[in-house]
Amino acid sequence: MLFEKLNWRYATKKMNPEKKVADDKVEKIIEAARLAPTSSGLQPFEIIVVTDPDVRAKIRAAAWDQAQITDGSHLLVFAAWDNYTEDRINAMFDQVNEERGGTNEGWEAYRQKLLAGYVPRDAEVNYQHAARQAYIGMGMALTAAAFEAVDSTPMEGFDPDQVDEILGLRARGLRSVTLMPLGYRDAENDWLANLKKVRRPKDEFVSFV
């Protein structure tokens, strides 16, 4: 089932603007990203779900006029923390303690290790680390979309500064990392829809030590 779904999915270039993804499917896709593993469990990214047509039109203009952004029914914007701060790290550790009903010496020592290692670092270094965690979340979302038979497209082809401005992300301490439109393929008009999926052969892709 897993490989069947992964072979079915592709980076959809043309979506049918008349078909809307059901809210329950969108929720499952988002939940998969929320459950994604992240470094130290900090979850240093957020997802902005954009459905407003005017906002999506502005984002499309900032993304090389890629039609999926407006032809799909939902646009997921993965936005990473712009920095690791003491407040952000402590908030996640405090949440863990609250939900697990306590703490221990080792866990609190680990908190201090992260605070000492992350907070003094350059903000750009921290953002790049957080952005890599956002990619893990997007990967989980892409897989979940395939399971829900929803088409999607991972996108880096956009101007992050423009998207940040459109969505007011910098004021929230966030920076856009990737875009992921959700929708349903227009197979008759998408040149990629019926092409064979091509990947490097396993013996060229995997090595064993």
Protein backbone atom coordinates (compact mmCIF):
# COMPACT_ATOMS: atom_id res chain seq x y z
CA MET A 1 0.00 0.00 0.00
CA LEU A 2 2.76 2.46 0.94
CA PHE A 3 4.75 1.99 -2.26
CA GLU A 4 1.60 1.98 -4.37
CA LYS A 5 0.65 5.39 -2.99
CA LEU A 6 4.17 6.78 -3.35
CA ASN A 7 4.31 5.62 -6.96
CA TRP A 8 0.91 7.24 -7.59
CA ARG A 9 1.96 10.68 -6.34
CA TYR A 10 3.96 13.15 -8.36
CA ALA A 11 4.64 16.88 -8.25
CA THR A 12 1.38 17.94 -9.84
CA LYS A 13 1.80 20.78 -12.30
CA LYS A 14 -1.82 21.34 -13.29
CA MET A 15 -4.67 21.10 -10.80
CA ASN A 16 -8.40 21.21 -11.38
CA PRO A 17 -9.69 24.45 -9.82
CA GLU A 18 -13.21 23.04 -9.67
CA LYS A 19 -12.33 20.25 -7.24
CA LYS A 20 -11.91 21.05 -3.55
CA VAL A 21 -10.08 18.89 -1.02
CA ALA A 22 -12.38 17.94 1.86
CA ASP A 23 -11.57 19.53 5.21
CA ASP A 24 -11.12 16.17 6.93
CA LYS A 25 -8.44 15.18 4.42
CA VAL A 26 -6.63 18.48 4.91
CA GLU A 27 -6.73 17.92 8.67
CA LYS A 28 -5.14 14.49 8.30
CA ILE A 29 -2.37 15.89 6.12
CA ILE A 30 -1.65 18.66 8.62
CA GLU A 31 -1.74 16.21 11.51
CA ALA A 32 0.88 14.04 9.81
CA ALA A 33 3.17 17.07 9.67
CA ARG A 34 2.43 17.90 13.31
CA LEU A 35 3.43 14.37 14.31
CA ALA A 36 6.69 14.51 12.33
CA PRO A 37 9.93 13.91 14.20
CA THR A 38 12.01 17.03 14.83
CA SER A 39 15.36 17.68 16.47
CA SER A 40 14.97 17.48 20.27
CA GLY A 41 11.20 17.49 19.73
CA LEU A 42 11.18 21.28 19.48
CA GLN A 43 8.87 21.45 16.43
CA PRO A 44 10.48 24.70 15.28
CA PHE A 45 8.08 25.40 12.43
CA GLU A 46 4.43 26.18 11.79
CA ILE A 47 2.02 25.61 8.93
CA ILE A 48 -0.10 28.40 7.52
CA VAL A 49 -3.13 27.13 5.57
CA VAL A 50 -4.06 29.65 2.90
CA THR A 51 -7.44 29.44 1.18
CA ASP A 52 -8.19 33.14 0.62
CA PRO A 53 -8.14 33.66 -3.18
CA ASP A 54 -6.66 37.15 -3.00
CA VAL A 55 -3.83 36.07 -0.72
CA ARG A 56 -3.07 33.05 -2.88
CA ALA A 57 -3.00 35.27 -5.97
CA LYS A 58 -0.38 37.46 -4.30
CA ILE A 59 1.68 34.42 -3.35
CA ARG A 60 1.40 33.08 -6.90
CA ALA A 61 2.88 36.34 -8.17
CA ALA A 62 5.78 35.83 -5.75
CA ALA A 63 6.23 32.24 -6.93
CA TRP A 64 7.02 32.54 -10.61
CA ASP A 65 3.31 32.45 -11.50
CA GLN A 66 2.96 28.76 -10.68
CA ALA A 67 -0.71 27.95 -11.25
CA GLN A 68 -1.04 25.22 -8.62
CA ILE A 69 -1.01 27.90 -5.94
CA THR A 70 -4.36 29.25 -7.07
CA ASP A 71 -5.79 26.22 -8.91
CA GLY A 72 -5.43 23.96 -5.89
CA SER A 73 -7.97 24.29 -3.11
CA HIS A 74 -5.50 24.79 -0.24
CA LEU A 75 -1.98 26.13 0.04
CA LEU A 76 0.21 25.00 2.93
CA VAL A 77 3.07 27.31 3.81
CA PHE A 78 5.76 25.73 5.98
CA ALA A 79 7.40 28.48 8.02
CA ALA A 80 10.33 27.92 10.37
CA TRP A 81 11.27 29.78 13.50
CA ASP A 82 13.59 32.65 12.66
CA ASN A 83 15.73 31.78 15.70
CA TYR A 84 15.97 29.52 18.73
CA THR A 85 15.26 31.62 21.79
CA GLU A 86 15.25 30.86 25.49
CA ASP A 87 11.49 31.36 25.61
CA ARG A 88 10.82 29.01 22.71
CA ILE A 89 13.02 26.23 24.04
CA ASN A 90 11.67 26.55 27.58
CA ALA A 91 8.07 26.55 26.33
CA MET A 92 8.55 23.17 24.64
CA PHE A 93 10.31 21.62 27.64
CA ASP A 94 7.63 22.98 29.98
CA GLN A 95 4.89 21.53 27.79
CA VAL A 96 6.54 18.13 27.87
CA ASN A 97 6.82 18.28 31.67
CA GLU A 98 3.18 19.28 32.01
CA GLU A 99 1.81 16.62 29.70
CA ARG A 100 4.01 13.85 31.10
CA GLY A 101 3.30 14.87 34.67
CA GLY A 102 6.81 15.56 35.89
CA THR A 103 10.45 15.79 34.99
CA ASN A 104 13.83 14.31 35.89
CA GLU A 105 17.40 15.42 36.34
CA GLY A 106 18.57 14.13 32.96
CA TRP A 107 15.77 15.87 31.08
CA GLU A 108 16.45 19.18 32.81
CA ALA A 109 20.16 18.82 32.12
CA TYR A 110 19.31 18.35 28.45
CA ARG A 111 17.23 21.53 28.56
CA GLN A 112 20.23 23.45 29.85
CA LYS A 113 22.45 21.89 27.19
CA LEU A 114 20.16 23.13 24.42
CA LEU A 115 19.84 26.58 25.96
CA ALA A 116 23.61 26.86 26.21
CA GLY A 117 24.19 25.54 22.69
CA TYR A 118 21.37 27.05 20.65
CA VAL A 119 20.57 30.46 22.11
CA PRO A 120 24.05 32.03 21.64
CA ARG A 121 24.34 30.84 18.02
CA ASP A 122 23.89 33.15 15.05
CA ALA A 123 20.21 33.56 14.18
CA GLU A 124 20.77 32.50 10.57
CA VAL A 125 22.42 29.26 11.70
CA ASN A 126 19.44 28.57 13.94
CA TYR A 127 16.95 29.40 11.20
CA GLN A 128 18.66 27.03 8.76
CA HIS A 129 18.51 24.27 11.36
CA ALA A 130 14.82 24.96 11.99
CA ALA A 131 14.13 25.01 8.25
CA ARG A 132 15.53 21.49 7.92
CA GLN A 133 12.98 20.36 10.49
CA ALA A 134 10.23 21.95 8.41
CA TYR A 135 11.31 19.80 5.48
CA ILE A 136 10.75 16.69 7.59
CA GLY A 137 7.22 17.89 8.29
CA MET A 138 6.61 18.56 4.62
CA GLY A 139 7.80 15.06 3.74
CA MET A 140 5.29 13.58 6.15
CA ALA A 141 2.57 15.82 4.70
CA LEU A 142 3.39 14.75 1.15
CA THR A 143 3.12 11.10 2.16
CA ALA A 144 -0.15 11.68 4.02
CA ALA A 145 -1.57 13.51 1.01
CA ALA A 146 -0.77 10.49 -1.16
CA PHE A 147 -2.54 8.22 1.31
CA GLU A 148 -5.60 10.46 1.09
CA ALA A 149 -5.41 10.41 -2.75
CA VAL A 150 -4.82 14.15 -2.71
CA ASP A 151 -2.40 15.69 -5.14
CA SER A 152 0.35 17.98 -3.90
CA THR A 153 3.43 19.82 -5.06
CA PRO A 154 6.49 20.65 -2.92
CA MET A 155 7.76 24.09 -3.92
CA GLU A 156 10.92 26.05 -3.27
CA GLY A 157 10.42 28.26 -6.32
CA PHE A 158 9.23 31.45 -4.67
CA ASP A 159 10.55 34.65 -3.14
CA PRO A 160 10.57 33.99 0.63
CA ASP A 161 10.84 37.66 1.54
CA GLN A 162 7.72 38.47 -0.47
CA VAL A 163 5.77 35.56 0.99
CA ASP A 164 6.88 36.55 4.49
CA GLU A 165 5.58 40.06 3.85
CA ILE A 166 2.27 38.88 2.36
CA LEU A 167 1.56 36.67 5.38
CA GLY A 168 3.14 38.89 8.02
CA LEU A 169 5.46 36.10 9.09
CA ARG A 170 8.45 38.11 10.30
CA ALA A 171 6.28 39.80 12.96
CA ARG A 172 5.50 36.30 14.24
CA GLY A 173 9.16 35.26 14.33
CA LEU A 174 8.75 33.00 11.28
CA ARG A 175 10.29 32.70 7.84
CA SER A 176 8.75 30.80 4.93
CA VAL A 177 10.59 27.66 3.85
CA THR A 178 8.41 25.75 1.38
CA LEU A 179 5.00 25.88 -0.24
CA MET A 180 2.73 22.87 -0.74
CA PRO A 181 -0.48 23.28 -2.77
CA LEU A 182 -3.15 20.63 -2.28
CA GLY A 183 -5.76 19.73 -4.88
CA TYR A 184 -6.66 17.26 -7.60
CA ARG A 185 -4.76 16.75 -10.82
CA ASP A 186 -6.09 17.90 -14.16
CA ALA A 187 -4.67 14.83 -15.87
CA GLU A 188 -5.73 15.84 -19.38
CA ASN A 189 -3.78 19.09 -19.20
CA ASP A 190 -0.84 18.10 -17.00
CA TRP A 191 2.08 16.95 -19.10
CA LEU A 192 3.55 15.05 -16.13
CA ALA A 193 0.40 13.16 -15.16
CA ASN A 194 0.86 10.05 -17.26
CA LEU A 195 4.64 9.86 -17.44
CA LYS A 196 6.46 6.96 -15.84
CA LYS A 197 8.00 7.76 -12.47
CA VAL A 198 11.76 7.56 -12.84
CA ARG A 199 14.20 7.15 -9.96
CA ARG A 200 17.83 6.08 -9.78
CA PRO A 201 18.23 2.30 -9.48
CA LYS A 202 18.70 0.98 -5.98
CA ASP A 203 22.27 -0.18 -6.57
CA GLU A 204 23.24 3.39 -7.47
CA PHE A 205 21.23 4.94 -4.65
CA VAL A 206 21.98 2.73 -1.66
CA SER A 207 25.27 1.43 -0.34
CA PHE A 208 25.81 -0.92 2.55
CA VAL A 209 28.73 -0.73 4.98
